[in-house]
Amino acid sequence: MHDIRAIRENPAAFDAALARRGLPPASPEILALDESRRAKILASETAQADQNRASKDVGAAKARGDDAEFERLRALVADKKAEIARLTAEAAEQDAALRDMLMRIPNLPHDDAPTGRDEDENVEIRRWGNPRTFDFTPREHFDIAGVKPGMDFETAAKLSGARFVVLKGAVIRVHRALAQFMLDTHITDHGLTEMWTPVLVKEDAMYGTNQLPKFAEDSYQTTNGWWLVPTSEVTLTNTVAGDILDESALPIRMTAHTQCFRSEAGSAGKDTTGMLRQHQFEKVEMVSITTPETSMAEHDRMTKCAEAILQKLELPFRTIVLCTGDMGFGAQKTHDLEVWLPGQNRYREISSVSVCGDFQARRMNARYRPAGGGKPEFVHTLNGSGLAVGRCLIAVLENGQQADGSVDLPAVLHPYLGGKTRIAADGTLA
């Protein structure tokens, strides 16, 4: 959420930052509502002072037997009481409207984020690995002979409809191995603390990490008000909601492997085949809570943590920085990792690592107490995929496929598979 005081102090800078996202000025509407709200608060305080004075004078008028003055003052007290109630209600209504307005405006881009309109203006910053040269036409994951027995879309459709899959046999073992490998790497090599968190959360948690109010249609809500998390960013980040942390406790670095749920409301017609875009999927998430001074360095660190997973799996990828027109709602700056999928002959997103500044912290009221003293300040929050397990499975299957329909698996996964090194063409681990 945005700081209304900063908007008051420099509305031109606020609008200029929104313009970098391709959005129209918002400060005139914000400031008009804010001014009206503040005027009502001031009028209410003035009426309260008038009521207090009249209340004192009522007794004096009665004591001296001035019935006319007594009745006038008593009527004035009643009028002021009604006026205060009206102004207070109107101010509260406008306060809620202002909060909602600020909640629906995306984060302001960091100066380092490249200005651009859409994904075509994202900037590639590095590549790792070389796409394999095949002596046959590589297939997409769902068409590989050894994968087909373990990837059942028909049964999933019978159970749940489109954009679901039932995994079994060798394929689900590789999927599970990937998640375990990611967690072990982040915990052992990268120093993240593993968490296990709920997938059902209260509405406040979704507001805290900016899924609400603007993106309600992208998530699922139960009939009793819980929301299914689209990522454990929601739960991990909200662990510090309402807290005042000691600076010595920062940074806090967390990771969790959870089920994730997304309605994919805005992706009609996209990636309808295979398991690239599902309503239910698994992800290993990374979240960091830092001071403002260290958040950008932490962003680079988290990006390297995600890159390390792909490097260990020997999967070619590229790292790009998103332009302002392609960044997510809550991000100041985002690095996307795109893995090479030979079946599609293109790079596809497998991780987004974003620094959010104090945008989420303001929504959650998450602060820290500076070591040198002074009033509490808002923390900075960061989140990133480390990685999306299903998409990583796709990349492993497609990059490791062989002409006979078998799949050679990355060496780093072999210990997690009881020493098995490949999926045979008949769908068994071998």
Protein backbone atom coordinates (compact mmCIF):
# COMPACT_ATOMS: atom_id res chain seq x y z
CA MET A 1 0.00 0.00 0.00
CA HIS A 2 1.15 3.55 -0.60
CA ASP A 3 2.08 6.19 1.95
CA ILE A 4 -0.52 8.96 1.69
CA ARG A 5 1.94 11.44 3.22
CA ALA A 6 4.45 10.78 0.45
CA ILE A 7 1.74 11.36 -2.14
CA ARG A 8 0.75 14.65 -0.47
CA GLU A 9 4.36 15.80 -0.38
CA ASN A 10 5.21 14.94 -4.00
CA PRO A 11 2.19 14.02 -6.12
CA ALA A 12 4.09 14.69 -9.35
CA ALA A 13 6.70 12.03 -8.50
CA PHE A 14 3.95 9.56 -7.63
CA ASP A 15 2.19 10.08 -10.95
CA ALA A 16 5.48 9.94 -12.86
CA ALA A 17 6.22 6.54 -11.31
CA LEU A 18 2.76 5.27 -12.29
CA ALA A 19 3.34 6.57 -15.81
CA ARG A 20 6.36 4.26 -16.04
CA ARG A 21 3.88 1.41 -15.56
CA GLY A 22 1.70 2.82 -18.31
CA LEU A 23 -0.94 4.07 -15.87
CA PRO A 24 -2.72 7.45 -15.77
CA PRO A 25 -2.19 9.96 -12.94
CA ALA A 26 -3.87 8.93 -9.69
CA SER A 27 -2.85 11.69 -7.29
CA PRO A 28 -5.66 14.18 -8.12
CA GLU A 29 -8.39 11.69 -7.17
CA ILE A 30 -6.45 10.44 -4.15
CA LEU A 31 -5.71 13.91 -2.82
CA ALA A 32 -9.28 15.15 -3.38
CA LEU A 33 -10.64 12.26 -1.32
CA ASP A 34 -7.94 12.71 1.29
CA GLU A 35 -8.66 16.44 1.58
CA SER A 36 -12.39 15.83 1.98
CA ARG A 37 -11.73 13.17 4.61
CA ARG A 38 -9.39 15.43 6.57
CA ALA A 39 -11.84 18.33 6.35
CA LYS A 40 -14.56 16.17 7.87
CA ILE A 41 -12.24 15.05 10.65
CA LEU A 42 -11.37 18.70 11.40
CA ALA A 43 -15.04 19.71 11.30
CA SER A 44 -15.87 16.87 13.68
CA GLU A 45 -13.15 17.96 16.09
CA THR A 46 -14.42 21.56 15.93
CA ALA A 47 -18.00 20.40 16.59
CA GLN A 48 -16.73 18.31 19.50
CA ALA A 49 -15.08 21.38 21.01
CA ASP A 50 -18.33 23.36 20.54
CA GLN A 51 -20.29 20.57 22.20
CA ASN A 52 -17.89 20.47 25.13
CA ARG A 53 -18.20 24.22 25.70
CA ALA A 54 -21.98 24.14 25.40
CA SER A 55 -22.16 21.22 27.83
CA LYS A 56 -20.27 23.23 30.44
CA ASP A 57 -22.50 26.28 29.91
CA VAL A 58 -25.72 24.26 30.26
CA GLY A 59 -25.18 23.76 33.97
CA ALA A 60 -24.31 27.41 34.54
CA ALA A 61 -27.47 28.59 32.73
CA LYS A 62 -29.63 26.28 34.78
CA ALA A 63 -27.94 27.39 38.02
CA ARG A 64 -28.73 31.04 37.38
CA GLY A 65 -32.29 30.22 36.31
CA ASP A 66 -31.91 31.29 32.69
CA ASP A 67 -34.37 28.80 31.21
CA ALA A 68 -34.22 30.21 27.68
CA GLU A 69 -30.43 29.96 27.57
CA PHE A 70 -30.60 26.53 29.15
CA GLU A 71 -32.93 25.24 26.40
CA ARG A 72 -30.87 26.86 23.67
CA LEU A 73 -27.66 25.30 24.93
CA ARG A 74 -29.27 21.90 25.45
CA ALA A 75 -30.54 21.99 21.85
CA LEU A 76 -27.07 23.05 20.68
CA VAL A 77 -25.48 20.11 22.48
CA ALA A 78 -27.93 17.73 20.83
CA ASP A 79 -27.30 19.30 17.39
CA LYS A 80 -23.54 19.09 17.82
CA LYS A 81 -23.79 15.48 18.94
CA ALA A 82 -25.73 14.61 15.78
CA GLU A 83 -23.29 16.64 13.65
CA ILE A 84 -20.30 14.82 15.17
CA ALA A 85 -21.90 11.44 14.51
CA ARG A 86 -22.61 12.37 10.90
CA LEU A 87 -19.14 13.78 10.25
CA THR A 88 -17.44 10.84 11.95
CA ALA A 89 -19.41 8.36 9.85
CA GLU A 90 -18.68 10.27 6.64
CA ALA A 91 -14.97 10.51 7.49
CA ALA A 92 -14.83 6.79 8.26
CA GLU A 93 -16.55 6.01 4.96
CA GLN A 94 -14.08 8.18 3.07
CA ASP A 95 -11.17 6.69 5.00
CA ALA A 96 -12.26 3.21 3.90
CA ALA A 97 -12.67 4.45 0.32
CA LEU A 98 -9.19 6.00 0.40
CA ARG A 99 -7.66 2.82 1.79
CA ASP A 100 -9.38 0.76 -0.90
CA MET A 101 -8.17 3.18 -3.58
CA LEU A 102 -4.58 2.96 -2.34
CA MET A 103 -4.86 -0.83 -2.10
CA ARG A 104 -5.77 -1.06 -5.80
CA ILE A 105 -2.81 0.93 -7.11
CA PRO A 106 0.29 -1.14 -7.93
CA ASN A 107 3.68 -0.65 -6.37
CA LEU A 108 5.93 2.06 -7.77
CA PRO A 109 8.82 0.69 -9.84
CA HIS A 110 12.37 0.92 -8.57
CA ASP A 111 14.68 3.26 -10.44
CA ASP A 112 16.65 0.20 -11.63
CA ALA A 113 13.60 -1.39 -13.28
CA PRO A 114 13.72 -0.75 -17.05
CA THR A 115 10.86 1.29 -18.43
CA GLY A 116 8.77 -0.57 -21.01
CA ARG A 117 5.24 -1.39 -22.14
CA ASP A 118 5.11 -5.20 -22.15
CA GLU A 119 7.12 -8.43 -22.17
CA ASP A 120 8.73 -7.51 -25.48
CA GLU A 121 10.70 -4.82 -23.66
CA ASN A 122 12.05 -7.04 -20.87
CA VAL A 123 15.85 -7.08 -20.68
CA GLU A 124 17.91 -10.26 -20.72
CA ILE A 125 20.84 -9.99 -18.31
CA ARG A 126 22.49 -13.41 -18.62
CA ARG A 127 22.20 -16.98 -19.90
CA TRP A 128 23.44 -20.24 -18.46
CA GLY A 129 23.93 -23.49 -20.36
CA ASN A 130 23.43 -24.29 -24.02
CA PRO A 131 20.23 -25.85 -25.34
CA ARG A 132 20.86 -29.43 -26.33
CA THR A 133 21.05 -30.35 -30.00
CA PHE A 134 18.69 -33.25 -30.76
CA ASP A 135 19.10 -35.73 -33.63
CA PHE A 136 15.33 -36.14 -33.59
CA THR A 137 12.39 -33.78 -33.19
CA PRO A 138 11.94 -33.27 -29.43
CA ARG A 139 8.46 -33.77 -28.07
CA GLU A 140 6.53 -31.80 -25.48
CA HIS A 141 6.43 -33.43 -22.06
CA PHE A 142 2.99 -35.01 -22.43
CA ASP A 143 3.95 -36.67 -25.75
CA ILE A 144 7.08 -38.43 -24.54
CA ALA A 145 6.49 -42.21 -24.56
CA GLY A 146 7.99 -42.87 -21.13
CA VAL A 147 6.01 -40.00 -19.59
CA LYS A 148 2.56 -40.84 -20.95
CA PRO A 149 1.85 -43.71 -18.47
CA GLY A 150 2.51 -41.36 -15.54
CA MET A 151 0.65 -38.24 -16.69
CA ASP A 152 -3.11 -38.79 -16.80
CA PHE A 153 -5.19 -35.82 -17.93
CA GLU A 154 -8.34 -37.82 -18.73
CA THR A 155 -8.77 -39.10 -15.17
CA ALA A 156 -8.03 -35.64 -13.79
CA ALA A 157 -10.72 -34.16 -16.06
CA LYS A 158 -13.19 -36.78 -14.82
CA LEU A 159 -12.34 -35.85 -11.22
CA SER A 160 -11.96 -32.09 -11.45
CA GLY A 161 -12.23 -30.72 -14.98
CA ALA A 162 -9.71 -28.91 -17.16
CA ARG A 163 -6.26 -27.77 -16.00
CA PHE A 164 -5.69 -30.66 -13.60
CA VAL A 165 -3.50 -33.74 -13.89
CA VAL A 166 -3.06 -37.06 -12.09
CA LEU A 167 0.61 -38.01 -11.80
CA LYS A 168 1.65 -41.56 -11.02
CA GLY A 169 4.48 -44.06 -11.13
CA ALA A 170 7.89 -42.83 -12.21
CA VAL A 171 6.67 -39.33 -13.04
CA ILE A 172 5.35 -38.55 -9.58
CA ARG A 173 8.51 -39.95 -8.02
CA VAL A 174 10.58 -37.52 -10.07
CA HIS A 175 8.17 -34.71 -9.17
CA ARG A 176 8.54 -35.53 -5.46
CA ALA A 177 12.32 -35.85 -5.80
CA LEU A 178 12.51 -32.40 -7.35
CA ALA A 179 10.66 -30.78 -4.46
CA GLN A 180 12.85 -32.57 -1.90
CA PHE A 181 16.01 -31.61 -3.78
CA MET A 182 14.94 -27.95 -3.94
CA LEU A 183 14.20 -27.81 -0.22
CA ASP A 184 17.45 -29.53 0.74
CA THR A 185 19.45 -27.15 -1.44
CA HIS A 186 17.80 -24.02 -0.05
CA ILE A 187 18.18 -25.22 3.54
CA THR A 188 21.71 -26.62 3.35
CA ASP A 189 23.37 -24.44 0.73
CA HIS A 190 21.43 -21.19 0.98
CA GLY A 191 20.66 -20.94 4.68
CA LEU A 192 16.87 -20.65 4.38
CA THR A 193 14.65 -21.81 7.22
CA GLU A 194 12.12 -24.43 6.16
CA MET A 195 8.51 -23.74 7.11
CA TRP A 196 5.30 -25.71 6.78
CA THR A 197 2.30 -23.41 6.52
CA PRO A 198 -1.48 -23.64 5.94
CA VAL A 199 -2.94 -23.42 2.45
CA LEU A 200 -6.14 -21.87 3.82
CA VAL A 201 -5.79 -18.29 5.04
CA LYS A 202 -7.89 -15.44 6.36
CA GLU A 203 -8.80 -12.52 4.13
CA ASP A 204 -6.36 -10.21 5.94
CA ALA A 205 -3.45 -12.38 4.81
CA MET A 206 -4.47 -12.05 1.15
CA TYR A 207 -4.74 -8.27 1.58
CA GLY A 208 -1.30 -8.24 3.18
CA THR A 209 0.44 -9.69 0.14
CA ASN A 210 -1.72 -7.74 -2.35
CA GLN A 211 -3.82 -10.57 -3.81
CA LEU A 212 -6.84 -8.63 -2.54
CA PRO A 213 -8.80 -6.58 -3.29
CA LYS A 214 -7.81 -6.26 -6.94
CA PHE A 215 -7.19 -9.90 -7.88
CA ALA A 216 -9.95 -11.78 -6.10
CA GLU A 217 -11.01 -13.57 -9.29
CA ASP A 218 -7.54 -15.11 -9.62
CA SER A 219 -7.89 -17.08 -6.38
CA TYR A 220 -10.34 -19.49 -4.79
CA GLN A 221 -12.43 -18.74 -1.70
CA THR A 222 -14.23 -21.27 0.45
CA THR A 223 -17.84 -20.84 1.53
CA ASN A 224 -16.77 -19.95 5.07
CA GLY A 225 -14.42 -17.17 4.03
CA TRP A 226 -11.01 -18.82 3.87
CA TRP A 227 -8.87 -18.33 0.78
CA LEU A 228 -6.73 -20.99 -0.87
CA VAL A 229 -3.21 -19.63 -1.23
CA PRO A 230 -1.94 -18.98 -4.78
CA THR A 231 1.58 -19.36 -3.33
CA SER A 232 3.12 -19.69 0.11
CA GLU A 233 4.37 -16.13 -0.33
CA VAL A 234 1.06 -15.32 1.36
CA THR A 235 1.70 -17.32 4.51
CA LEU A 236 5.46 -16.86 4.78
CA THR A 237 5.31 -13.07 4.37
CA ASN A 238 2.38 -12.71 6.75
CA THR A 239 4.25 -14.47 9.55
CA VAL A 240 5.54 -10.99 10.46
CA ALA A 241 2.22 -9.17 10.03
CA GLY A 242 1.60 -6.74 12.90
CA ASP A 243 5.05 -7.39 14.39
CA ILE A 244 7.79 -4.99 15.45
CA LEU A 245 11.03 -6.92 14.97
CA ASP A 246 14.46 -6.12 16.29
CA GLU A 247 16.84 -5.15 13.50
CA SER A 248 19.21 -7.85 14.78
CA ALA A 249 16.61 -10.46 13.76
CA LEU A 250 16.86 -9.42 10.09
CA PRO A 251 17.16 -10.72 7.49
CA ILE A 252 14.61 -13.49 7.94
CA ARG A 253 14.94 -16.04 5.12
CA MET A 254 12.27 -18.71 4.72
CA THR A 255 11.28 -21.46 2.31
CA ALA A 256 8.25 -23.73 2.06
CA HIS A 257 6.95 -26.44 -0.23
CA THR A 258 3.18 -26.22 -0.60
CA GLN A 259 0.23 -26.87 -2.82
CA CYS A 260 -0.84 -23.71 -4.64
CA PHE A 261 -4.19 -22.84 -6.20
CA ARG A 262 -4.99 -20.36 -8.97
CA SER A 263 -8.11 -19.88 -11.01
CA GLU A 264 -6.08 -18.76 -14.06
CA ALA A 265 -8.93 -16.35 -14.76
CA GLY A 266 -6.83 -14.24 -17.09
CA SER A 267 -5.29 -17.09 -19.07
CA ALA A 268 -8.22 -18.40 -21.10
CA GLY A 269 -6.89 -20.17 -24.16
CA LYS A 270 -3.25 -20.12 -22.96
CA ASP A 271 -1.29 -23.33 -22.41
CA THR A 272 -4.35 -25.55 -22.49
CA THR A 273 -2.36 -28.71 -23.26
CA GLY A 274 -0.04 -30.42 -20.81
CA MET A 275 0.63 -29.34 -17.24
CA LEU A 276 2.32 -25.99 -17.79
CA ARG A 277 -0.61 -23.97 -16.42
CA GLN A 278 -2.70 -25.74 -13.78
CA HIS A 279 -5.31 -24.78 -11.19
CA GLN A 280 -3.49 -26.86 -8.55
CA PHE A 281 0.28 -27.16 -8.49
CA GLU A 282 3.26 -27.31 -6.16
CA LYS A 283 5.94 -24.75 -5.57
CA VAL A 284 8.96 -24.27 -3.36
CA GLU A 285 8.77 -20.62 -2.36
CA MET A 286 11.42 -18.29 -0.94
CA VAL A 287 10.60 -15.22 1.17
CA SER A 288 12.97 -12.74 2.80
CA ILE A 289 12.23 -9.97 5.30
CA THR A 290 14.95 -7.31 5.37
CA THR A 291 15.83 -3.73 6.22
CA PRO A 292 15.40 -1.12 3.47
CA GLU A 293 19.17 -0.78 3.08
CA THR A 294 19.72 -4.46 2.28
CA SER A 295 16.70 -5.40 0.18
CA MET A 296 18.25 -4.86 -3.27
CA ALA A 297 21.30 -6.97 -2.38
CA GLU A 298 18.91 -9.60 -1.04
CA HIS A 299 17.06 -9.54 -4.36
CA ASP A 300 20.26 -10.49 -6.18
CA ARG A 301 20.99 -13.17 -3.58
CA MET A 302 17.55 -14.76 -3.95
CA THR A 303 17.90 -14.73 -7.73
CA LYS A 304 21.16 -16.65 -7.42
CA CYS A 305 19.46 -19.16 -5.08
CA ALA A 306 16.84 -19.89 -7.75
CA GLU A 307 19.47 -20.02 -10.50
CA ALA A 308 21.49 -22.54 -8.49
CA ILE A 309 18.61 -25.04 -8.64
CA LEU A 310 18.55 -24.93 -12.44
CA GLN A 311 22.33 -25.12 -12.64
CA LYS A 312 22.44 -28.23 -10.45
CA LEU A 313 19.75 -29.78 -12.65
CA GLU A 314 21.83 -28.85 -15.73
CA LEU A 315 18.90 -27.06 -17.34
CA PRO A 316 19.67 -24.18 -19.72
CA PHE A 317 18.00 -20.95 -18.70
CA ARG A 318 18.13 -17.21 -19.06
CA THR A 319 17.63 -14.48 -16.46
CA ILE A 320 15.72 -11.36 -17.44
CA VAL A 321 14.70 -8.21 -15.62
CA LEU A 322 11.08 -7.32 -16.22
CA CYS A 323 10.23 -3.91 -17.60
CA THR A 324 7.78 -1.70 -15.73
CA GLY A 325 4.87 -2.68 -17.98
CA ASP A 326 5.30 -6.41 -17.30
CA MET A 327 6.00 -6.41 -13.55
CA GLY A 328 3.59 -7.90 -11.06
CA PHE A 329 1.30 -5.68 -8.99
CA GLY A 330 3.36 -5.74 -5.79
CA ALA A 331 6.85 -5.62 -7.26
CA GLN A 332 9.37 -2.80 -7.38
CA LYS A 333 11.74 -4.88 -9.49
CA THR A 334 11.55 -8.47 -10.74
CA HIS A 335 13.97 -11.00 -12.14
CA ASP A 336 12.39 -13.82 -14.13
CA LEU A 337 14.16 -17.10 -14.78
CA GLU A 338 13.12 -18.76 -18.02
CA VAL A 339 14.07 -22.39 -18.60
CA TRP A 340 14.62 -23.88 -22.06
CA LEU A 341 11.81 -26.23 -23.17
CA PRO A 342 12.92 -28.07 -26.33
CA GLY A 343 9.42 -29.39 -26.96
CA GLN A 344 8.24 -25.80 -27.41
CA ASN A 345 11.59 -24.58 -28.78
CA ARG A 346 11.49 -21.59 -26.45
CA TYR A 347 12.30 -20.32 -22.97
CA ARG A 348 9.42 -20.36 -20.48
CA GLU A 349 9.13 -18.74 -17.06
CA ILE A 350 9.96 -21.01 -14.14
CA SER A 351 10.64 -18.43 -11.41
CA SER A 352 9.91 -14.79 -10.60
CA VAL A 353 11.97 -13.17 -7.87
CA SER A 354 10.65 -9.78 -6.74
CA VAL A 355 11.59 -7.09 -4.27
CA CYS A 356 8.50 -5.29 -2.96
CA GLY A 357 10.06 -2.59 -0.78
CA ASP A 358 7.69 -1.55 2.04
CA PHE A 359 4.58 -2.00 -0.17
CA GLN A 360 3.43 -5.22 1.53
CA ALA A 361 4.79 -4.21 4.93
CA ARG A 362 2.47 -1.19 5.02
CA ARG A 363 -0.50 -3.42 4.25
CA MET A 364 0.55 -5.85 7.01
CA ASN A 365 1.90 -3.20 9.43
CA ALA A 366 5.17 -5.14 9.68
CA ARG A 367 7.97 -3.05 11.17
CA TYR A 368 11.38 -3.29 12.78
CA ARG A 369 13.11 -1.33 15.52
CA PRO A 370 16.42 0.17 14.24
CA ALA A 371 19.47 -0.91 16.22
CA GLY A 372 20.59 2.71 16.57
CA GLY A 373 17.29 3.75 18.11
CA GLY A 374 14.43 5.79 16.76
CA LYS A 375 10.86 4.97 15.91
CA PRO A 376 9.99 1.66 14.21
CA GLU A 377 10.27 1.56 10.42
CA PHE A 378 8.60 -0.67 7.85
CA VAL A 379 10.51 -3.77 6.78
CA HIS A 380 11.09 -4.66 3.15
CA THR A 381 9.73 -7.93 1.76
CA LEU A 382 10.91 -10.15 -1.10
CA ASN A 383 9.54 -13.33 -2.63
CA GLY A 384 10.52 -15.75 -5.35
CA SER A 385 9.93 -19.24 -6.70
CA GLY A 386 12.66 -21.65 -5.93
CA LEU A 387 11.17 -23.27 -8.07
CA ALA A 388 7.75 -24.10 -9.49
CA VAL A 389 7.93 -27.91 -9.15
CA GLY A 390 5.61 -28.84 -12.02
CA ARG A 391 7.33 -26.57 -14.51
CA CYS A 392 10.69 -27.89 -13.36
CA LEU A 393 9.41 -31.42 -13.96
CA ILE A 394 8.42 -30.42 -17.50
CA ALA A 395 11.90 -29.03 -18.13
CA VAL A 396 13.63 -32.14 -16.78
CA LEU A 397 11.46 -34.43 -18.92
CA GLU A 398 11.80 -32.45 -22.13
CA ASN A 399 15.53 -31.77 -21.84
CA GLY A 400 16.32 -35.35 -20.88
CA GLN A 401 14.18 -37.11 -23.50
CA GLN A 402 15.75 -39.65 -25.82
CA ALA A 403 14.79 -40.85 -29.29
CA ASP A 404 13.34 -44.13 -27.94
CA GLY A 405 10.93 -42.27 -25.60
CA SER A 406 13.00 -42.73 -22.45
CA VAL A 407 14.21 -39.84 -20.28
CA ASP A 408 17.67 -39.43 -18.79
CA LEU A 409 17.38 -37.76 -15.38
CA PRO A 410 19.80 -35.20 -13.85
CA ALA A 411 22.53 -36.76 -11.72
CA VAL A 412 21.57 -34.63 -8.71
CA LEU A 413 18.22 -36.44 -8.52
CA HIS A 414 19.62 -39.97 -8.57
CA PRO A 415 20.08 -40.21 -4.76
CA TYR A 416 16.44 -39.18 -4.30
CA LEU A 417 15.32 -41.99 -6.64
CA GLY A 418 17.09 -44.89 -5.00
CA GLY A 419 19.91 -44.72 -7.50
CA LYS A 420 17.63 -44.87 -10.56
CA THR A 421 18.89 -42.71 -13.41
CA ARG A 422 16.19 -42.68 -16.07
CA ILE A 423 12.57 -43.18 -16.96
CA ALA A 424 12.42 -46.08 -19.42
CA ALA A 425 10.31 -45.92 -22.55
CA ASP A 426 7.70 -48.11 -20.84
CA GLY A 427 7.30 -45.55 -18.03
CA THR A 428 9.23 -47.33 -15.29
CA LEU A 429 12.21 -46.04 -13.36
CA ALA A 430 15.41 -47.71 -14.44
